[in-house]
Amino acid sequence: MSLTPEEAESLSKFLGNITEHSELEALALITREGLRLAFSAVPGYNIDPDLFSSLSAVVVQSSSDAISTLGYHDMLETIIRGENAFIILSDAGRFLLMGASRNIEDLGKIVSVFRYYSGEIRKRYPKID
């Protein structure tokens, strides 16, 4: 999937706002197939950007299957929390937002930030069926 320069600039601003309003250690904008469009991480957060991004496809499929099995519709967000870290994955229309942090205390704030910005991206870049 290629982006026009205008789309890239607009999405870049959204990502900048997310990092400005949260303490994420890693953030990725990903296609629905798990391909990385953008990735950033704080220094010292050693993770392979392609591995981080491709995990989203597995998480989305599992989450969507679980939601459908229960009779619900449209997975909007999945949070995976470990003892000392979490990953959040949000539906952003044509894209997915995925973030990670080891600061569990910021989970609520980051969820709020992700909900807002994934909703804004989803409005501008709806899923193409």
Protein backbone atom coordinates (compact mmCIF):
# COMPACT_ATOMS: atom_id res chain seq x y z
CA MET A 1 0.00 0.00 0.00
CA SER A 2 1.47 3.31 -0.99
CA LEU A 3 0.54 6.63 0.50
CA THR A 4 0.35 9.96 -1.25
CA PRO A 5 2.65 12.65 0.16
CA GLU A 6 -0.40 14.39 1.63
CA GLU A 7 -1.57 11.20 3.36
CA ALA A 8 1.92 10.55 4.71
CA GLU A 9 2.13 14.08 6.09
CA SER A 10 -1.30 13.86 7.71
CA LEU A 11 -0.57 10.49 9.29
CA SER A 12 2.82 11.73 10.47
CA LYS A 13 1.09 14.54 12.36
CA PHE A 14 -1.24 12.07 14.05
CA LEU A 15 1.70 9.90 15.12
CA GLY A 16 3.54 12.94 16.43
CA ASN A 17 0.51 13.89 18.50
CA ILE A 18 0.26 10.38 19.93
CA THR A 19 3.89 10.42 21.05
CA GLU A 20 3.49 13.95 22.42
CA HIS A 21 0.54 12.91 24.61
CA SER A 22 1.77 9.52 25.82
CA GLU A 23 4.81 7.77 27.23
CA LEU A 24 4.96 4.95 24.69
CA GLU A 25 8.24 3.19 24.15
CA ALA A 26 7.29 1.96 20.68
CA LEU A 27 4.65 3.07 18.19
CA ALA A 28 3.82 1.72 14.76
CA LEU A 29 1.36 2.52 12.00
CA ILE A 30 0.64 -0.73 10.23
CA THR A 31 -1.43 -1.96 7.31
CA ARG A 32 -4.21 -4.38 8.11
CA GLU A 33 -1.96 -7.13 6.70
CA GLY A 34 0.78 -6.33 9.21
CA LEU A 35 3.15 -4.32 7.01
CA ARG A 36 4.94 -1.45 8.71
CA LEU A 37 4.30 2.02 7.34
CA ALA A 38 5.89 3.92 10.22
CA PHE A 39 7.72 2.90 13.38
CA SER A 40 9.43 4.72 16.19
CA ALA A 41 10.93 3.60 19.48
CA VAL A 42 12.74 5.29 22.31
CA PRO A 43 16.48 4.69 22.47
CA GLY A 44 17.25 1.45 24.25
CA TYR A 45 13.93 -0.20 23.38
CA ASN A 46 15.38 -3.03 21.38
CA ILE A 47 12.74 -4.62 19.20
CA ASP A 48 12.72 -5.53 15.54
CA PRO A 49 10.28 -3.08 13.86
CA ASP A 50 9.17 -5.70 11.32
CA LEU A 51 8.51 -8.30 14.03
CA PHE A 52 6.63 -5.74 16.12
CA SER A 53 4.49 -4.77 13.14
CA SER A 54 3.83 -8.29 11.89
CA LEU A 55 2.58 -9.33 15.32
CA SER A 56 -0.35 -7.01 14.74
CA ALA A 57 -1.77 -9.26 12.02
CA VAL A 58 -1.83 -12.23 14.41
CA VAL A 59 -3.34 -10.21 17.25
CA VAL A 60 -6.00 -8.65 15.01
CA GLN A 61 -7.02 -12.01 13.57
CA SER A 62 -7.26 -13.63 17.01
CA SER A 63 -9.13 -10.66 18.46
CA SER A 64 -11.52 -10.45 15.52
CA ASP A 65 -12.22 -14.20 15.72
CA ALA A 66 -12.95 -13.93 19.45
CA ILE A 67 -15.26 -10.93 18.96
CA SER A 68 -17.14 -12.68 16.13
CA THR A 69 -17.46 -15.93 18.09
CA LEU A 70 -19.16 -14.03 20.89
CA GLY A 71 -21.53 -12.38 18.44
CA TYR A 72 -20.02 -8.92 18.66
CA HIS A 73 -18.90 -6.81 15.74
CA ASP A 74 -15.79 -4.92 14.68
CA MET A 75 -12.77 -5.24 16.93
CA LEU A 76 -11.73 -1.70 17.82
CA GLU A 77 -8.97 -2.30 20.33
CA THR A 78 -6.97 -5.07 21.92
CA ILE A 79 -4.78 -4.69 24.96
CA ILE A 80 -2.30 -7.36 25.94
CA ARG A 81 -0.89 -6.81 29.40
CA GLY A 82 2.01 -8.64 30.93
CA GLU A 83 3.39 -8.32 34.43
CA ASN A 84 5.58 -5.35 33.55
CA ALA A 85 4.51 -4.17 30.09
CA PHE A 86 1.60 -3.90 27.69
CA ILE A 87 0.79 -3.68 24.00
CA ILE A 88 -2.21 -1.82 22.65
CA LEU A 89 -3.54 -2.35 19.15
CA SER A 90 -6.29 -0.10 17.78
CA ASP A 91 -8.33 -0.17 14.61
CA ALA A 92 -7.59 3.00 12.64
CA GLY A 93 -9.68 2.41 9.51
CA ARG A 94 -7.35 1.37 6.67
CA PHE A 95 -4.58 1.11 9.24
CA LEU A 96 -3.76 -0.21 12.69
CA LEU A 97 -1.99 1.62 15.48
CA MET A 98 0.19 -0.45 17.77
CA GLY A 99 2.01 0.81 20.83
CA ALA A 100 4.04 -0.72 23.63
CA SER A 101 5.23 0.45 27.01
CA ARG A 102 6.73 -0.92 30.19
CA ASN A 103 5.06 1.82 32.22
CA ILE A 104 1.89 0.07 33.39
CA GLU A 105 0.81 3.16 35.35
CA ASP A 106 0.25 4.99 32.04
CA LEU A 107 -2.04 2.32 30.58
CA GLY A 108 -5.28 4.25 31.13
CA LYS A 109 -3.91 7.47 29.68
CA ILE A 110 -2.44 5.69 26.66
CA VAL A 111 -5.71 3.86 26.00
CA SER A 112 -7.52 7.22 25.98
CA VAL A 113 -4.96 8.75 23.61
CA PHE A 114 -5.13 5.73 21.30
CA ARG A 115 -8.94 5.76 21.26
CA TYR A 116 -9.02 9.39 20.28
CA TYR A 117 -6.36 9.29 17.56
CA SER A 118 -7.36 5.93 16.10
CA GLY A 119 -10.90 7.33 15.80
CA GLU A 120 -9.62 10.44 14.04
CA ILE A 121 -7.53 8.37 11.62
CA ARG A 122 -10.47 6.01 11.06
CA LYS A 123 -12.67 9.00 10.07
CA ARG A 124 -10.14 10.21 7.50
CA TYR A 125 -9.01 6.80 6.23
CA PRO A 126 -11.96 4.37 6.49
CA LYS A 127 -11.56 0.70 5.67
CA ILE A 128 -11.72 -0.11 1.99
CA ASP A 129 -13.89 -3.17 1.45
